[in-house]
C-alpha atoms as a PDB file:
ATOM      1  CA  MET A   1     -10.542  17.111   2.224  1.00  0.00           C
ATOM      2  CA  GLU A   2      -8.399  18.766   4.249  1.00  0.00           C
ATOM      3  CA  VAL A   3      -4.417  19.130   4.396  1.00  0.00           C
ATOM      4  CA  VAL A   4      -3.148  18.645   7.885  1.00  0.00           C
ATOM      5  CA  SER A   5       0.912  19.204   8.494  1.00  0.00           C
ATOM      6  CA  LEU A   6       2.742  16.955  10.649  1.00  0.00           C
ATOM      7  CA  ASN A   7       6.359  16.497  11.621  1.00  0.00           C
ATOM      8  CA  SER A   8       7.731  13.372  10.978  1.00  0.00           C
ATOM      9  CA  LYS A   9      10.757  12.121  13.200  1.00  0.00           C
ATOM     10  CA  ASN A  10      13.390  13.078  10.620  1.00  0.00           C
ATOM     11  CA  SER A  11      12.322  16.546  10.086  1.00  0.00           C
ATOM     12  CA  ARG A  12      10.274  15.964   7.048  1.00  0.00           C
ATOM     13  CA  VAL A  13       6.842  17.932   6.928  1.00  0.00           C
ATOM     14  CA  LEU A  14       3.941  15.379   6.137  1.00  0.00           C
ATOM     15  CA  ARG A  15       1.334  16.722   4.325  1.00  0.00           C
ATOM     16  CA  VAL A  16      -1.758  14.517   5.686  1.00  0.00           C
ATOM     17  CA  ARG A  17      -4.515  14.645   3.967  1.00  0.00           C
ATOM     18  CA  VAL A  18      -7.935  13.793   5.863  1.00  0.00           C
ATOM     19  CA  TRP A  19     -10.963  13.040   4.540  1.00  0.00           C
ATOM     20  CA  TRP A  20     -13.525  13.643   7.129  1.00  0.00           C
ATOM     21  CA  PRO A  21     -17.097  11.812   6.902  1.00  0.00           C
ATOM     22  CA  VAL A  22     -20.279  14.024   6.677  1.00  0.00           C
ATOM     23  CA  GLY A  23     -21.939  12.398   9.739  1.00  0.00           C
ATOM     24  CA  PRO A  24     -20.705  11.051  12.446  1.00  0.00           C
ATOM     25  CA  ILE A  25     -17.395   9.213  12.389  1.00  0.00           C
ATOM     26  CA  LYS A  26     -17.427   5.355  13.244  1.00  0.00           C
ATOM     27  CA  GLN A  27     -13.481   4.322  12.609  1.00  0.00           C
ATOM     28  CA  ALA A  28     -10.668   5.560  10.818  1.00  0.00           C
ATOM     29  CA  VAL A  29      -8.689   4.045   8.026  1.00  0.00           C
ATOM     30  CA  VAL A  30      -4.687   4.853   7.151  1.00  0.00           C
ATOM     31  CA  LEU A  31      -3.782   4.366   3.554  1.00  0.00           C
ATOM     32  CA  SER A  32      -0.812   3.263   2.241  1.00  0.00           C
ATOM     33  CA  HIS A  33      -0.518   4.276  -1.422  1.00  0.00           C
ATOM     34  CA  GLY A  34       1.945   2.115  -4.597  1.00  0.00           C
ATOM     35  CA  MET A  35       4.800   3.016  -6.173  1.00  0.00           C
ATOM     36  CA  ALA A  36       4.679   5.658  -9.068  1.00  0.00           C
ATOM     37  CA  GLU A  37       1.364   6.987  -7.957  1.00  0.00           C
ATOM     38  CA  HIS A  38       0.184   9.342  -5.344  1.00  0.00           C
ATOM     39  CA  ILE A  39      -2.049   9.218  -2.387  1.00  0.00           C
ATOM     40  CA  ASP A  40      -4.638  11.593  -4.274  1.00  0.00           C
ATOM     41  CA  ARG A  41      -5.448   9.285  -6.735  1.00  0.00           C
ATOM     42  CA  TYR A  42      -7.903   7.600  -4.016  1.00  0.00           C
ATOM     43  CA  GLU A  43     -10.461  10.466  -4.136  1.00  0.00           C
ATOM     44  CA  GLU A  44     -13.094   7.661  -5.104  1.00  0.00           C
ATOM     45  CA  LEU A  45     -12.319   5.512  -2.234  1.00  0.00           C
ATOM     46  CA  ALA A  46     -11.942   8.144   0.101  1.00  0.00           C
ATOM     47  CA  ASN A  47     -15.342   9.429  -0.903  1.00  0.00           C
ATOM     48  CA  TRP A  48     -17.257   5.764  -0.599  1.00  0.00           C
ATOM     49  CA  PHE A  49     -15.920   5.429   2.945  1.00  0.00           C
ATOM     50  CA  THR A  50     -16.820   8.715   4.407  1.00  0.00           C
ATOM     51  CA  ARG A  51     -20.227   7.977   3.213  1.00  0.00           C
ATOM     52  CA  THR A  52     -20.254   5.266   5.283  1.00  0.00           C
ATOM     53  CA  GLY A  53     -18.405   7.457   8.162  1.00  0.00           C
ATOM     54  CA  THR A  54     -15.059   6.332   7.932  1.00  0.00           C
ATOM     55  CA  LEU A  55     -12.353   8.882   8.142  1.00  0.00           C
ATOM     56  CA  LEU A  56      -9.731   8.153   5.833  1.00  0.00           C
ATOM     57  CA  CYS A  57      -6.253   9.808   5.767  1.00  0.00           C
ATOM     58  CA  GLY A  58      -2.646   9.476   3.807  1.00  0.00           C
ATOM     59  CA  ILE A  59       0.360  10.744   2.851  1.00  0.00           C
ATOM     60  CA  ASN A  60       2.133  10.954  -0.454  1.00  0.00           C
ATOM     61  CA  HIS A  61       5.031   8.253   0.487  1.00  0.00           C
ATOM     62  CA  ARG A  62       8.697  10.055   0.018  1.00  0.00           C
ATOM     63  CA  GLY A  63       9.829   9.952  -4.175  1.00  0.00           C
ATOM     64  CA  HIS A  64       5.895  10.404  -4.999  1.00  0.00           C
ATOM     65  CA  GLY A  65       3.807  13.042  -5.420  1.00  0.00           C
ATOM     66  CA  GLU A  66       4.049  16.628  -5.554  1.00  0.00           C
ATOM     67  CA  GLU A  67       5.509  16.873  -2.275  1.00  0.00           C
ATOM     68  CA  ALA A  68       8.743  14.682  -3.767  1.00  0.00           C
ATOM     69  CA  GLU A  69      12.306  16.260  -3.646  1.00  0.00           C
ATOM     70  CA  GLN A  70      12.977  13.737  -6.140  1.00  0.00           C
ATOM     71  CA  LEU A  71       9.985  11.073  -8.002  1.00  0.00           C
ATOM     72  CA  GLY A  72      11.046   7.936  -7.433  1.00  0.00           C
ATOM     73  CA  HIS A  73      13.908   8.194  -4.872  1.00  0.00           C
ATOM     74  CA  PHE A  74      13.092   7.511  -1.087  1.00  0.00           C
ATOM     75  CA  SER A  75      16.615   9.411   0.584  1.00  0.00           C
ATOM     76  CA  ASN A  76      20.313   8.679  -0.007  1.00  0.00           C
ATOM     77  CA  GLU A  77      20.216   6.331   3.049  1.00  0.00           C
ATOM     78  CA  ASN A  78      17.490   4.750   5.345  1.00  0.00           C
ATOM     79  CA  GLY A  79      14.872   5.183   2.983  1.00  0.00           C
ATOM     80  CA  TRP A  80      12.688   2.322   4.114  1.00  0.00           C
ATOM     81  CA  GLN A  81      12.978   2.823   7.499  1.00  0.00           C
ATOM     82  CA  TYR A  82      11.835   7.302   6.996  1.00  0.00           C
ATOM     83  CA  VAL A  83       8.823   5.679   5.116  1.00  0.00           C
ATOM     84  CA  LEU A  84       7.641   3.114   7.823  1.00  0.00           C
ATOM     85  CA  ASP A  85       8.585   6.736  10.097  1.00  0.00           C
ATOM     86  CA  ASP A  86       6.519   8.825   8.153  1.00  0.00           C
ATOM     87  CA  LEU A  87       3.606   6.247   8.126  1.00  0.00           C
ATOM     88  CA  ASP A  88       3.938   5.687  12.112  1.00  0.00           C
ATOM     89  CA  CYS A  89       3.514   9.556  12.509  1.00  0.00           C
ATOM     90  CA  VAL A  90       0.097   9.102  10.565  1.00  0.00           C
ATOM     91  CA  VAL A  91      -1.314   6.352  12.000  1.00  0.00           C
ATOM     92  CA  ASP A  92      -0.992   8.366  15.730  1.00  0.00           C
ATOM     93  CA  TYR A  93      -2.580  11.324  14.294  1.00  0.00           C
ATOM     94  CA  ALA A  94      -5.681   8.647  13.039  1.00  0.00           C
ATOM     95  CA  PHE A  95      -5.390   7.547  16.691  1.00  0.00           C
ATOM     96  CA  GLN A  96      -5.469  11.254  18.284  1.00  0.00           C
ATOM     97  CA  ALA A  97      -8.189  12.193  15.654  1.00  0.00           C
ATOM     98  CA  LEU A  98     -10.515   9.306  16.760  1.00  0.00           C
ATOM     99  CA  SER A  99      -9.668   9.176  20.652  1.00  0.00           C
ATOM    100  CA  LEU A 100     -10.760  12.684  20.896  1.00  0.00           C
ATOM    101  CA  LEU A 101     -14.268  11.630  20.049  1.00  0.00           C
ATOM    102  CA  LYS A 102     -13.937   8.934  21.247  1.00  0.00           C
ATOM    103  CA  ALA A 103     -16.969   9.009  24.523  1.00  0.00           C
ATOM    104  CA  GLU A 104     -18.862  10.902  22.178  1.00  0.00           C
ATOM    105  CA  LEU A 105     -19.611   8.972  19.351  1.00  0.00           C
ATOM    106  CA  GLU A 106     -19.442   5.658  21.576  1.00  0.00           C
ATOM    107  CA  ILE A 107     -16.028   4.464  19.583  1.00  0.00           C
ATOM    108  CA  ASP A 108     -14.995   0.953  21.587  1.00  0.00           C
ATOM    109  CA  ASP A 109     -11.771   0.715  19.523  1.00  0.00           C
ATOM    110  CA  PRO A 110      -9.878   4.278  18.204  1.00  0.00           C
ATOM    111  CA  ARG A 111      -6.873   2.239  16.566  1.00  0.00           C
ATOM    112  CA  PRO A 112      -7.327   2.537  12.934  1.00  0.00           C
ATOM    113  CA  VAL A 113      -7.037   0.274   9.935  1.00  0.00           C
ATOM    114  CA  LEU A 114      -4.402   0.413   7.740  1.00  0.00           C
ATOM    115  CA  ILE A 115      -4.909  -0.367   4.295  1.00  0.00           C
ATOM    116  CA  GLY A 116      -1.848  -0.845   1.886  1.00  0.00           C
ATOM    117  CA  HIS A 117      -1.870  -1.062  -2.117  1.00  0.00           C
ATOM    118  CA  SER A 118       1.082  -3.066  -4.000  1.00  0.00           C
ATOM    119  CA  MET A 119       3.737  -1.189  -2.894  1.00  0.00           C
ATOM    120  CA  GLY A 120       2.220   0.293   0.260  1.00  0.00           C
ATOM    121  CA  SER A 121       0.953  -3.172   1.571  1.00  0.00           C
ATOM    122  CA  PHE A 122       4.592  -4.492   1.587  1.00  0.00           C
ATOM    123  CA  ILE A 123       5.019  -0.895   3.702  1.00  0.00           C
ATOM    124  CA  ALA A 124       1.821  -1.659   6.145  1.00  0.00           C
ATOM    125  CA  ARG A 125       2.946  -5.754   6.197  1.00  0.00           C
ATOM    126  CA  HIS A 126       6.641  -3.954   7.718  1.00  0.00           C
ATOM    127  CA  TYR A 127       4.410  -1.493   9.738  1.00  0.00           C
ATOM    128  CA  ALA A 128       2.452  -4.434  10.936  1.00  0.00           C
ATOM    129  CA  VAL A 129       5.871  -6.257  12.273  1.00  0.00           C
ATOM    130  CA  LEU A 130       6.774  -3.137  14.101  1.00  0.00           C
ATOM    131  CA  ASN A 131       3.590  -1.690  15.737  1.00  0.00           C
ATOM    132  CA  GLY A 132       0.779  -4.129  14.835  1.00  0.00           C
ATOM    133  CA  LYS A 133      -0.542  -3.071  18.270  1.00  0.00           C
ATOM    134  CA  LYS A 134      -1.036   0.716  16.871  1.00  0.00           C
ATOM    135  CA  LEU A 135      -3.897  -1.149  14.456  1.00  0.00           C
ATOM    136  CA  SER A 136      -7.592  -2.521  14.687  1.00  0.00           C
ATOM    137  CA  GLY A 137      -6.946  -4.110  11.621  1.00  0.00           C
ATOM    138  CA  LEU A 138      -5.071  -4.719   8.476  1.00  0.00           C
ATOM    139  CA  VAL A 139      -6.218  -4.586   4.568  1.00  0.00           C
ATOM    140  CA  LEU A 140      -3.438  -5.856   1.866  1.00  0.00           C
ATOM    141  CA  CYS A 141      -4.317  -5.328  -1.898  1.00  0.00           C
ATOM    142  CA  GLY A 142      -2.281  -6.282  -4.422  1.00  0.00           C
ATOM    143  CA  SER A 143       0.119  -7.779  -2.012  1.00  0.00           C
ATOM    144  CA  ASN A 144       2.254 -11.111  -2.509  1.00  0.00           C
ATOM    145  CA  HIS A 145       4.440 -13.331  -0.936  1.00  0.00           C
ATOM    146  CA  GLN A 146       7.871 -15.343  -2.350  1.00  0.00           C
ATOM    147  CA  SER A 147      10.720 -16.494  -0.934  1.00  0.00           C
ATOM    148  CA  PRO A 148      13.571 -13.226   0.664  1.00  0.00           C
ATOM    149  CA  LEU A 149      16.305 -15.420  -0.964  1.00  0.00           C
ATOM    150  CA  LEU A 150      14.977 -13.593  -3.871  1.00  0.00           C
ATOM    151  CA  PHE A 151      14.892 -10.404  -2.905  1.00  0.00           C
ATOM    152  CA  GLN A 152      18.025 -10.578  -1.528  1.00  0.00           C
ATOM    153  CA  ILE A 153      19.299 -11.880  -4.919  1.00  0.00           C
ATOM    154  CA  GLY A 154      17.481  -8.558  -6.512  1.00  0.00           C
ATOM    155  CA  ARG A 155      18.596  -6.372  -3.842  1.00  0.00           C
ATOM    156  CA  ILE A 156      22.544  -7.401  -4.928  1.00  0.00           C
ATOM    157  CA  ALA A 157      21.201  -6.603  -8.642  1.00  0.00           C
ATOM    158  CA  ALA A 158      20.019  -3.407  -7.467  1.00  0.00           C
ATOM    159  CA  ARG A 159      23.183  -2.376  -6.010  1.00  0.00           C
ATOM    160  CA  VAL A 160      25.120  -3.499  -8.875  1.00  0.00           C
ATOM    161  CA  GLU A 161      22.940  -0.490 -11.001  1.00  0.00           C
ATOM    162  CA  SER A 162      23.706   1.554  -8.624  1.00  0.00           C
ATOM    163  CA  TRP A 163      27.559   1.540  -8.841  1.00  0.00           C
ATOM    164  CA  ARG A 164      26.776   1.349 -12.544  1.00  0.00           C
ATOM    165  CA  ILE A 165      24.644   4.212 -12.586  1.00  0.00           C
ATOM    166  CA  GLY A 166      24.853   5.860  -9.326  1.00  0.00           C
ATOM    167  CA  ASN A 167      22.410   5.627  -6.364  1.00  0.00           C
ATOM    168  CA  ASN A 168      20.177   8.574  -6.962  1.00  0.00           C
ATOM    169  CA  VAL A 169      20.031   7.756 -11.036  1.00  0.00           C
ATOM    170  CA  SER A 170      16.695   6.590 -12.446  1.00  0.00           C
ATOM    171  CA  SER A 171      17.347   2.912 -13.644  1.00  0.00           C
ATOM    172  CA  PRO A 172      14.965   1.701 -16.572  1.00  0.00           C
ATOM    173  CA  LEU A 173      16.870  -1.329 -16.397  1.00  0.00           C
ATOM    174  CA  LEU A 174      15.236  -2.227 -12.862  1.00  0.00           C
ATOM    175  CA  GLU A 175      12.663  -1.402 -14.085  1.00  0.00           C
ATOM    176  CA  LYS A 176      12.441  -3.363 -17.190  1.00  0.00           C
ATOM    177  CA  LEU A 177      13.463  -6.425 -14.886  1.00  0.00           C
ATOM    178  CA  SER A 178      10.282  -5.915 -12.913  1.00  0.00           C
ATOM    179  CA  PHE A 179       7.400  -4.414 -14.920  1.00  0.00           C
ATOM    180  CA  GLY A 180       8.789  -5.834 -18.271  1.00  0.00           C
ATOM    181  CA  ASN A 181       6.373  -8.903 -18.751  1.00  0.00           C
ATOM    182  CA  ALA A 182       3.224  -7.369 -16.998  1.00  0.00           C
ATOM    183  CA  ASN A 183       1.249  -7.080 -20.480  1.00  0.00           C
ATOM    184  CA  LYS A 184       1.658 -10.880 -21.109  1.00  0.00           C
ATOM    185  CA  GLY A 185      -1.431 -11.785 -20.177  1.00  0.00           C
ATOM    186  CA  ILE A 186      -3.481  -9.552 -22.082  1.00  0.00           C
ATOM    187  CA  ARG A 187      -4.472 -10.819 -25.391  1.00  0.00           C
ATOM    188  CA  VAL A 188      -5.117  -7.470 -26.992  1.00  0.00           C
ATOM    189  CA  VAL A 189      -2.867  -4.429 -26.056  1.00  0.00           C
ATOM    190  CA  ARG A 190      -3.471  -0.817 -25.769  1.00  0.00           C
ATOM    191  CA  THR A 191      -1.261   0.572 -23.502  1.00  0.00           C
ATOM    192  CA  GLU A 192       1.994   0.079 -21.865  1.00  0.00           C
ATOM    193  CA  GLN A 193      -0.041   0.290 -18.729  1.00  0.00           C
ATOM    194  CA  ASP A 194      -3.292  -1.968 -19.547  1.00  0.00           C
ATOM    195  CA  TRP A 195      -1.749  -4.574 -16.783  1.00  0.00           C
ATOM    196  CA  LEU A 196      -3.368  -1.966 -14.018  1.00  0.00           C
ATOM    197  CA  SER A 197      -6.884  -2.195 -14.684  1.00  0.00           C
ATOM    198  CA  ARG A 198      -9.445  -2.847 -17.142  1.00  0.00           C
ATOM    199  CA  ASP A 199     -10.557   0.358 -16.745  1.00  0.00           C
ATOM    200  CA  GLU A 200      -9.362   2.289 -19.738  1.00  0.00           C
ATOM    201  CA  ASN A 201     -10.376   5.534 -18.600  1.00  0.00           C
ATOM    202  CA  MET A 202      -8.581   4.966 -15.456  1.00  0.00           C
ATOM    203  CA  VAL A 203      -5.204   3.501 -17.291  1.00  0.00           C
ATOM    204  CA  ASP A 204      -5.739   6.712 -19.736  1.00  0.00           C
ATOM    205  CA  ALA A 205      -5.682   8.767 -16.794  1.00  0.00           C
ATOM    206  CA  TYR A 206      -2.509   7.154 -14.786  1.00  0.00           C
ATOM    207  CA  ILE A 207      -0.389   7.687 -17.869  1.00  0.00           C
ATOM    208  CA  GLN A 208      -1.663  11.696 -18.358  1.00  0.00           C
ATOM    209  CA  ASP A 209      -0.389  12.267 -14.309  1.00  0.00           C
ATOM    210  CA  PRO A 210       3.168  13.617 -14.069  1.00  0.00           C
ATOM    211  CA  TYR A 211       2.907  11.929 -10.612  1.00  0.00           C
ATOM    212  CA  CYS A 212       2.662   8.933 -12.049  1.00  0.00           C
ATOM    213  CA  GLY A 213       3.945   6.191 -14.039  1.00  0.00           C
ATOM    214  CA  PHE A 214       8.193   7.428 -13.223  1.00  0.00           C
ATOM    215  CA  THR A 215      11.019   5.227 -13.266  1.00  0.00           C
ATOM    216  CA  CYS A 216      12.569   4.822  -9.957  1.00  0.00           C
ATOM    217  CA  THR A 217      15.860   4.996  -8.886  1.00  0.00           C
ATOM    218  CA  ALA A 218      18.514   1.818  -8.126  1.00  0.00           C
ATOM    219  CA  GLN A 219      18.747   3.089  -4.412  1.00  0.00           C
ATOM    220  CA  PHE A 220      14.981   2.662  -4.476  1.00  0.00           C
ATOM    221  CA  TRP A 221      15.066  -0.432  -5.419  1.00  0.00           C
ATOM    222  CA  ILE A 222      18.058  -1.352  -3.026  1.00  0.00           C
ATOM    223  CA  ASP A 223      16.025   0.058  -0.005  1.00  0.00           C
ATOM    224  CA  PHE A 224      12.924  -1.291  -1.088  1.00  0.00           C
ATOM    225  CA  LEU A 225      13.892  -4.908  -2.242  1.00  0.00           C
ATOM    226  CA  GLY A 226      15.874  -5.061   1.504  1.00  0.00           C
ATOM    227  CA  GLY A 227      11.863  -4.434   2.891  1.00  0.00           C
ATOM    228  CA  LEU A 228      10.319  -6.742   0.741  1.00  0.00           C
ATOM    229  CA  ALA A 229      13.397  -9.655   2.415  1.00  0.00           C
ATOM    230  CA  GLU A 230      12.790  -8.445   5.242  1.00  0.00           C
ATOM    231  CA  ILE A 231       8.904  -9.006   5.598  1.00  0.00           C
ATOM    232  CA  SER A 232       9.077 -12.594   4.137  1.00  0.00           C
ATOM    233  CA  LYS A 233      11.150 -13.827   6.231  1.00  0.00           C
ATOM    234  CA  ASP A 234       9.464 -16.200   8.827  1.00  0.00           C
ATOM    235  CA  GLN A 235      10.318 -14.021  11.821  1.00  0.00           C
ATOM    236  CA  ALA A 236       8.711 -11.575  10.334  1.00  0.00           C
ATOM    237  CA  PHE A 237       5.707 -13.305  10.054  1.00  0.00           C
ATOM    238  CA  ASP A 238       5.796 -14.239  13.870  1.00  0.00           C
ATOM    239  CA  ALA A 239       5.434 -10.584  14.985  1.00  0.00           C
ATOM    240  CA  ILE A 240       2.491  -9.947  13.421  1.00  0.00           C
ATOM    241  CA  SER A 241       0.047 -10.367  16.111  1.00  0.00           C
ATOM    242  CA  ASN A 242      -2.500 -13.274  15.764  1.00  0.00           C
ATOM    243  CA  ASP A 243      -5.108 -11.122  17.282  1.00  0.00           C
ATOM    244  CA  LEU A 244      -5.009  -8.471  14.407  1.00  0.00           C
ATOM    245  CA  ALA A 245      -8.158  -8.909  11.977  1.00  0.00           C
ATOM    246  CA  ILE A 246      -6.274  -8.807   8.149  1.00  0.00           C
ATOM    247  CA  LEU A 247      -8.207  -8.692   4.959  1.00  0.00           C
ATOM    248  CA  VAL A 248      -6.119  -9.483   1.506  1.00  0.00           C
ATOM    249  CA  ILE A 249      -7.662  -9.000  -1.566  1.00  0.00           C
ATOM    250  CA  GLY A 250      -6.213  -9.823  -4.875  1.00  0.00           C
ATOM    251  CA  GLY A 251      -7.116  -9.876  -8.802  1.00  0.00           C
ATOM    252  CA  GLU A 252      -6.730 -13.305 -10.597  1.00  0.00           C
ATOM    253  CA  ALA A 253      -5.707 -11.422 -13.808  1.00  0.00           C
ATOM    254  CA  ASP A 254      -2.595  -9.322 -11.455  1.00  0.00           C
ATOM    255  CA  PRO A 255       0.959 -10.032 -13.147  1.00  0.00           C
ATOM    256  CA  ILE A 256       2.505  -8.532  -9.975  1.00  0.00           C
ATOM    257  CA  THR A 257       1.004 -11.220  -8.077  1.00  0.00           C
ATOM    258  CA  ARG A 258       1.670 -13.936 -10.955  1.00  0.00           C
ATOM    259  CA  TYR A 259      -2.488 -13.863 -11.134  1.00  0.00           C
ATOM    260  CA  GLY A 260      -3.130 -14.276  -7.928  1.00  0.00           C
ATOM    261  CA  VAL A 261      -0.510 -17.284  -6.865  1.00  0.00           C
ATOM    262  CA  GLY A 262       1.689 -14.992  -4.725  1.00  0.00           C
ATOM    263  CA  THR A 263      -1.511 -13.215  -2.777  1.00  0.00           C
ATOM    264  CA  SER A 264      -3.041 -17.149  -2.354  1.00  0.00           C
ATOM    265  CA  ALA A 265       0.543 -17.993  -0.935  1.00  0.00           C
ATOM    266  CA  LEU A 266       0.619 -14.804   1.183  1.00  0.00           C
ATOM    267  CA  VAL A 267      -2.532 -15.869   3.054  1.00  0.00           C
ATOM    268  CA  ASP A 268      -1.117 -19.222   3.287  1.00  0.00           C
ATOM    269  CA  LYS A 269       1.869 -17.896   5.096  1.00  0.00           C
ATOM    270  CA  LEU A 270      -0.528 -15.854   7.091  1.00  0.00           C
ATOM    271  CA  ASN A 271      -2.581 -18.691   8.543  1.00  0.00           C
ATOM    272  CA  GLN A 272       0.454 -21.083   9.141  1.00  0.00           C
ATOM    273  CA  HIS A 273       1.750 -18.627  11.157  1.00  0.00           C
ATOM    274  CA  GLY A 274      -0.916 -18.207  13.511  1.00  0.00           C
ATOM    275  CA  CYS A 275      -3.055 -14.953  11.612  1.00  0.00           C
ATOM    276  CA  SER A 276      -6.385 -16.738  12.354  1.00  0.00           C
ATOM    277  CA  LYS A 277      -8.241 -13.319  11.849  1.00  0.00           C
ATOM    278  CA  THR A 278      -7.218 -13.364   7.789  1.00  0.00           C
ATOM    279  CA  THR A 279      -9.997 -13.165   5.055  1.00  0.00           C
ATOM    280  CA  TYR A 280      -9.621 -13.550   1.621  1.00  0.00           C
ATOM    281  CA  TYR A 281     -11.301 -12.245  -1.274  1.00  0.00           C
ATOM    282  CA  LEU A 282      -9.554 -12.600  -5.306  1.00  0.00           C
ATOM    283  CA  TYR A 283     -10.901 -11.320  -7.459  1.00  0.00           C
ATOM    284  CA  GLN A 284     -11.806 -12.922 -11.163  1.00  0.00           C
ATOM    285  CA  ASP A 285     -10.400 -11.414 -14.242  1.00  0.00           C
ATOM    286  CA  ALA A 286      -9.071  -8.306 -11.782  1.00  0.00           C
ATOM    287  CA  ARG A 287      -5.779  -6.781 -12.706  1.00  0.00           C
ATOM    288  CA  HIS A 288      -3.281  -4.840 -10.663  1.00  0.00           C
ATOM    289  CA  GLU A 289      -5.494  -2.011  -9.293  1.00  0.00           C
ATOM    290  CA  LEU A 290      -8.483  -2.965  -7.851  1.00  0.00           C
ATOM    291  CA  PHE A 291      -9.841   0.425  -6.408  1.00  0.00           C
ATOM    292  CA  ASN A 292      -9.673   1.462 -10.178  1.00  0.00           C
ATOM    293  CA  GLU A 293     -11.005  -1.859 -11.240  1.00  0.00           C
ATOM    294  CA  THR A 294     -14.232  -2.165 -13.282  1.00  0.00           C
ATOM    295  CA  ASN A 295     -15.552  -4.098 -10.816  1.00  0.00           C
ATOM    296  CA  ARG A 296     -14.442  -1.402  -7.609  1.00  0.00           C
ATOM    297  CA  GLU A 297     -17.691  -0.727  -6.511  1.00  0.00           C
ATOM    298  CA  SER A 298     -18.267  -4.316  -5.625  1.00  0.00           C
ATOM    299  CA  ILE A 299     -14.655  -4.332  -3.947  1.00  0.00           C
ATOM    300  CA  MET A 300     -14.667  -1.009  -2.085  1.00  0.00           C
ATOM    301  CA  LYS A 301     -18.385  -2.677  -0.599  1.00  0.00           C
ATOM    302  CA  ASP A 302     -16.657  -5.669   0.713  1.00  0.00           C
ATOM    303  CA  VAL A 303     -13.908  -3.883   1.852  1.00  0.00           C
ATOM    304  CA  GLN A 304     -16.132  -1.627   3.840  1.00  0.00           C
ATOM    305  CA  CYS A 305     -18.425  -4.707   5.424  1.00  0.00           C
ATOM    306  CA  TRP A 306     -15.290  -6.151   6.321  1.00  0.00           C
ATOM    307  CA  LEU A 307     -14.592  -2.496   8.420  1.00  0.00           C
ATOM    308  CA  THR A 308     -17.777  -3.023   9.581  1.00  0.00           C
ATOM    309  CA  SER A 309     -17.573  -6.520  11.020  1.00  0.00           C
ATOM    310  CA  LEU A 310     -14.546  -5.015  13.353  1.00  0.00           C
ATOM    311  CA  ASN A 311     -17.361  -3.130  15.221  1.00  0.00           C
ATOM    312  CA  THR A 312     -19.800  -5.788  15.844  1.00  0.00           C
END
């Protein structure tokens, strides 16, 4: 793994993790990670992809990982837009890397595929709304769809909380409202994070990681819920290119997607708005973090097969 420094559009230095394939590069993937975690947790996924000729790169979103000025806080203002701008820099980097090798490697389309998990999937969806022509494909993991009104109401609650405690102060209340019942569907609960995966080792690693499981600020929730409200509108779905290949994957035992109901609703919404190149896999008994699940090798294989199909 190599770390490359890039200057963002808003004066932030981005430390891009780049996993290069050992052999010839066939395509590039940009990864957008989830809330309260970091890009380095995807080492196993990256190694899987690099063995099959896929270059993978990604950054820690603002407020995440070792580069964070404050864990769980995008910015005092314009945080969601800054995150989208940062991601755009990484997509451009991946495109340029493949463009330089296009003739040598006979790559037909140097545009990268964007993979987003959970929070990262919502960021990826918004990116596809704004810059979908820069992508050859989109993979949404642990994602869902609900009414924008629900997120607008949640954003009002986050604003009230911000007035109560301050915008850059962590909010256990908002975290509890969002994740307090996440273990409800699990018969025997071992830890508060069991809803993430059936793999106990992965859950324990998450709990022990100082850059995982932190509580986000009120302003973070204002930014995040505002972004969710925007991408849940019909206009946002209309703005996604009908030519964009999309893969949606989810778990039947994922409480964040209402046990797959929200994921299926997302797929239905995409199809209703003309995204006919949408493929959908819902994995039985799988929880929220599919790439850390007990059946992750099968899931990674499915994703890789879908990636390969883009070039045939």
